[in-house]
Protein backbone atom coordinates (compact mmCIF):
# COMPACT_ATOMS: atom_id res chain seq x y z
CA MET A 1 -16.40 38.14 -11.97
CA ASN A 2 -16.39 35.87 -15.02
CA TYR A 3 -13.27 35.52 -17.15
CA ASP A 4 -12.76 33.73 -20.44
CA CYS A 5 -9.13 32.89 -19.72
CA LEU A 6 -6.69 32.78 -16.82
CA ILE A 7 -2.96 32.67 -17.59
CA VAL A 8 -0.79 30.97 -14.95
CA ASP A 9 2.85 31.69 -15.80
CA ASP A 10 5.76 32.93 -13.72
CA GLU A 11 7.30 34.73 -16.73
CA LEU A 12 5.74 38.03 -15.76
CA GLU A 13 6.39 39.97 -18.97
CA LEU A 14 5.10 37.16 -21.17
CA ALA A 15 1.99 36.62 -19.04
CA GLU A 16 1.25 40.34 -18.97
CA SER A 17 1.74 40.87 -22.72
CA THR A 18 -0.40 37.81 -23.58
CA CYS A 19 -3.11 39.00 -21.22
CA GLU A 20 -3.14 42.49 -22.74
CA TYR A 21 -3.28 41.07 -26.27
CA PHE A 22 -6.20 38.77 -25.48
CA ASN A 23 -8.16 41.59 -23.87
CA LEU A 24 -7.66 43.75 -26.96
CA PHE A 25 -9.59 41.11 -28.89
CA ASP A 26 -12.43 40.78 -26.37
CA VAL A 27 -11.20 37.62 -24.67
CA ARG A 28 -11.59 38.66 -21.02
CA THR A 29 -8.30 37.53 -19.51
CA ALA A 30 -6.37 37.80 -16.25
CA PHE A 31 -3.00 36.42 -15.21
CA VAL A 32 -1.28 35.16 -12.08
CA THR A 33 2.31 34.04 -11.60
CA SER A 34 2.03 31.20 -9.08
CA ALA A 35 -0.01 28.15 -8.20
CA GLN A 36 -1.04 29.73 -4.91
CA ALA A 37 -2.30 32.85 -6.67
CA CYS A 38 -4.18 30.64 -9.15
CA ARG A 39 -6.01 28.83 -6.36
CA ALA A 40 -6.92 32.13 -4.72
CA PHE A 41 -8.12 33.61 -8.01
CA LEU A 42 -10.37 30.64 -8.75
CA ARG A 43 -11.97 30.91 -5.33
CA GLU A 44 -13.13 34.43 -6.18
CA HIS A 45 -13.83 34.22 -9.92
CA THR A 46 -15.14 31.87 -12.59
CA VAL A 47 -12.93 31.01 -15.56
CA SER A 48 -13.75 29.22 -18.82
CA LEU A 49 -10.19 28.25 -19.83
CA LEU A 50 -6.76 28.00 -18.23
CA LEU A 51 -3.36 28.56 -19.88
CA LEU A 52 -0.93 26.80 -17.54
CA ASP A 53 2.86 26.75 -17.53
CA ILE A 54 4.59 23.61 -16.25
CA ASN A 55 7.46 25.25 -14.39
CA LEU A 56 6.09 27.57 -11.72
CA GLU A 57 8.19 29.00 -8.92
CA ASP A 58 6.08 27.54 -6.13
CA ALA A 59 4.77 24.33 -7.72
CA SER A 60 4.63 22.10 -10.76
CA GLY A 61 1.95 22.91 -13.30
CA PHE A 62 1.38 19.17 -13.54
CA GLN A 63 0.50 18.97 -9.85
CA LEU A 64 -1.73 22.03 -10.06
CA CYS A 65 -3.59 20.51 -13.01
CA LYS A 66 -4.18 17.29 -11.08
CA GLU A 67 -5.60 19.30 -8.17
CA LEU A 68 -7.87 21.36 -10.40
CA ARG A 69 -9.18 18.31 -12.21
CA GLN A 70 -10.76 17.20 -8.93
CA GLU A 71 -12.96 20.30 -9.05
CA THR A 72 -13.40 21.47 -12.63
CA GLY A 73 -13.69 20.21 -16.19
CA ILE A 74 -12.77 23.49 -17.92
CA PRO A 75 -10.19 23.26 -20.72
CA ILE A 76 -6.60 23.39 -19.46
CA LEU A 77 -4.01 24.20 -22.11
CA PHE A 78 -0.40 23.64 -21.07
CA VAL A 79 2.08 26.23 -22.33
CA SER A 80 5.74 25.33 -21.89
CA ALA A 81 9.23 25.54 -23.33
CA ARG A 82 9.65 21.85 -22.48
CA SER A 83 9.28 19.90 -25.68
CA SER A 84 9.82 16.22 -24.87
CA GLU A 85 7.14 13.75 -25.89
CA ASP A 86 7.03 12.47 -22.30
CA ASP A 87 6.00 15.92 -21.05
CA VAL A 88 3.25 16.11 -23.67
CA LEU A 89 1.92 12.67 -22.76
CA VAL A 90 1.97 13.40 -19.03
CA ALA A 91 0.13 16.68 -19.60
CA LEU A 92 -2.62 14.94 -21.56
CA GLU A 93 -2.89 11.95 -19.25
CA ILE A 94 -3.44 14.07 -16.13
CA GLY A 95 -6.26 16.04 -17.73
CA GLY A 96 -4.70 18.67 -19.99
CA ASP A 97 -6.60 19.41 -23.19
CA ASP A 98 -3.69 20.67 -25.28
CA TYR A 99 0.07 21.30 -25.15
CA ILE A 100 1.44 24.50 -26.68
CA HIS A 101 5.16 25.06 -27.10
CA LYS A 102 6.95 28.27 -26.22
CA PRO A 103 7.80 30.56 -27.85
CA TYR A 104 4.36 31.01 -29.31
CA THR A 105 2.85 33.54 -31.70
CA LEU A 106 0.20 35.63 -29.98
CA ARG A 107 -2.09 35.64 -33.00
CA VAL A 108 -1.97 31.86 -33.37
CA LEU A 109 -2.44 31.31 -29.63
CA LEU A 110 -5.42 33.66 -29.59
CA ALA A 111 -7.02 31.79 -32.50
CA LYS A 112 -6.57 28.48 -30.68
CA VAL A 113 -7.97 29.85 -27.43
CA LYS A 114 -10.99 31.33 -29.22
CA ALA A 115 -11.66 28.00 -30.94
CA VAL A 116 -11.51 26.10 -27.64
CA LEU A 117 -13.73 28.64 -25.90
CA LYS A 118 -16.30 28.43 -28.70
CA ARG A 119 -16.31 24.65 -28.55
CA TRP A 120 -16.52 24.63 -24.75
CA SER A 121 -19.44 27.04 -24.85
CA LYS A 122 -21.31 24.83 -27.32
CA GLU A 123 -20.63 21.69 -25.28
CA THR A 124 -21.81 23.35 -22.09
CA ALA A 125 -24.95 24.71 -23.73
CA ALA A 126 -25.76 21.34 -25.28
CA GLU A 127 -25.56 19.42 -22.04
CA GLU A 128 -28.91 18.42 -20.65
CA SER A 129 -30.06 17.26 -17.27
CA GLY A 130 -30.80 13.81 -18.71
CA GLU A 131 -28.51 10.82 -18.63
CA TRP A 132 -26.90 8.17 -20.83
CA ARG A 133 -26.70 4.53 -19.78
CA ALA A 134 -24.82 1.53 -21.11
CA GLY A 135 -24.42 -1.65 -19.08
CA PRO A 136 -23.43 -0.71 -15.53
CA VAL A 137 -22.29 2.80 -16.52
CA GLN A 138 -24.41 5.92 -16.13
CA ILE A 139 -23.40 9.35 -17.46
CA GLU A 140 -25.02 12.55 -16.18
CA PRO A 141 -23.86 15.12 -18.76
CA GLY A 142 -25.49 18.06 -17.04
CA LEU A 143 -23.39 17.39 -13.93
CA ARG A 144 -20.38 15.96 -15.80
CA LYS A 145 -20.54 12.85 -13.63
CA ALA A 146 -20.13 9.17 -14.36
CA SER A 147 -20.99 6.24 -12.14
CA LEU A 148 -20.57 2.47 -12.14
CA ASN A 149 -23.39 0.45 -10.56
CA GLY A 150 -24.41 3.61 -8.74
CA GLU A 151 -20.91 4.35 -7.40
CA MET A 152 -19.27 7.58 -8.54
CA LEU A 153 -16.29 7.12 -10.85
CA ARG A 154 -13.26 9.35 -10.32
CA LEU A 155 -12.30 10.23 -13.87
CA LYS A 156 -9.86 12.69 -15.32
CA ALA A 157 -11.27 15.16 -17.83
CA MET A 158 -10.27 13.28 -20.98
CA GLU A 159 -11.30 9.94 -19.46
CA TYR A 160 -14.75 11.38 -18.81
CA LYS A 161 -15.05 12.73 -22.36
CA LEU A 162 -13.91 9.43 -23.87
CA LEU A 163 -16.22 7.30 -21.72
CA SER A 164 -19.15 9.64 -22.38
CA TYR A 165 -18.65 9.36 -26.12
CA LEU A 166 -18.38 5.58 -26.00
CA VAL A 167 -21.49 5.27 -23.84
CA GLN A 168 -23.48 7.76 -25.90
CA HIS A 169 -22.67 5.70 -29.01
CA LYS A 170 -22.92 2.29 -27.37
CA ASN A 171 -22.98 -0.87 -29.50
CA ARG A 172 -21.41 0.97 -32.45
CA VAL A 173 -17.82 0.45 -33.53
CA ILE A 174 -16.17 3.86 -33.35
CA PRO A 175 -13.05 4.34 -35.51
CA LYS A 176 -9.99 5.74 -33.77
CA GLU A 177 -10.03 8.73 -36.11
CA GLU A 178 -13.55 9.59 -34.94
CA LEU A 179 -12.48 9.40 -31.30
CA PHE A 180 -9.52 11.70 -31.99
CA ALA A 181 -11.83 14.21 -33.69
CA ALA A 182 -14.69 14.02 -31.18
CA VAL A 183 -12.79 13.69 -27.89
CA TRP A 184 -9.39 15.31 -28.46
CA GLN A 185 -10.57 17.44 -31.37
CA ASP A 186 -7.69 19.49 -32.80
CA ILE A 187 -5.09 18.78 -30.09
CA PHE A 188 -2.11 16.43 -30.22
CA ALA A 189 -3.30 12.87 -30.07
CA GLY A 190 -2.16 9.48 -31.29
CA ASP A 191 -2.61 5.77 -30.79
CA GLY A 192 -0.45 5.82 -27.66
CA THR A 193 -2.55 8.47 -25.95
CA LEU A 194 -5.80 6.73 -26.88
CA ASN A 195 -4.53 3.34 -25.70
CA VAL A 196 -3.50 4.78 -22.33
CA HIS A 197 -6.94 6.31 -21.76
CA ILE A 198 -8.73 3.13 -22.82
CA ARG A 199 -6.57 1.11 -20.42
CA HIS A 200 -7.33 3.48 -17.55
CA LEU A 201 -11.06 3.29 -18.24
CA ARG A 202 -10.95 -0.51 -18.32
CA GLU A 203 -9.14 -0.54 -14.99
CA LYS A 204 -11.96 1.52 -13.52
CA ILE A 205 -15.03 -0.22 -14.96
CA GLU A 206 -14.09 -3.77 -16.00
CA ARG A 207 -14.03 -6.71 -13.62
CA ASN A 208 -10.98 -8.00 -15.50
CA PRO A 209 -9.30 -5.23 -17.53
CA ASN A 210 -7.34 -7.85 -19.48
CA GLU A 211 -10.58 -9.49 -20.64
CA PRO A 212 -12.94 -6.54 -21.07
CA GLU A 213 -16.69 -7.13 -21.24
CA PHE A 214 -17.72 -3.61 -22.17
CA ILE A 215 -14.97 -1.59 -23.86
CA ARG A 216 -13.98 -3.94 -26.65
CA THR A 217 -11.17 -3.49 -29.16
CA VAL A 218 -11.98 -3.94 -32.83
CA TRP A 219 -8.51 -4.53 -34.23
CA GLY A 220 -7.49 -2.23 -37.03
CA VAL A 221 -10.60 -0.09 -36.60
CA GLY A 222 -11.28 1.27 -33.12
CA TYR A 223 -13.43 0.53 -30.07
CA VAL A 224 -17.00 -0.28 -29.12
CA PHE A 225 -18.85 -0.09 -25.80
CA GLU A 226 -20.92 -3.28 -25.80
CA GLU A 227 -23.91 -3.06 -23.53
CA GLY A 228 -24.27 -6.82 -23.39
């Protein structure tokens, strides 16, 4: 069965009430209360978006996200009462697409989920079986794969989105604000988050990350993928 949203939260009453509310507004939603149950659910069903708590009884939501990112690129929105900036940054760096603080308002959360689902649907529909190339990097958007000199790159979700955008717009200086809007869209993002992702990409594709040949910084403006 296909679901729009899966809630993974060990606060049973909250998960159940959120699930019921979403279903009232035609967002087909289910919930589970553990990482183990999440894995089992995903083996039997397809899901377009995940709402994931950090503190689960049987595992860390962070660890579960890292596992899932090896298999799927669907949006993962963290939902947690933990509010430190470090938690937010970790969530985004390991592949989360947003970080929502508890307690949340059901109406606002539903609006956010609907917006992400709409965007995800458009992105999926727009992907073609073609490819984008720049220098030694090849992007296969239909398969959500990236390779370097023919070797598959292991990228986290946001790394893939950032590299794809840079490659698709190769040889053009892209302002940071455009990257925030196009890659992170309406989620929390800042210079620190962008810098971390750029550094990780350089470590994976540059011969010398400290002297990049391809992903170049244009100080005060943004970045450019130079094909050479």
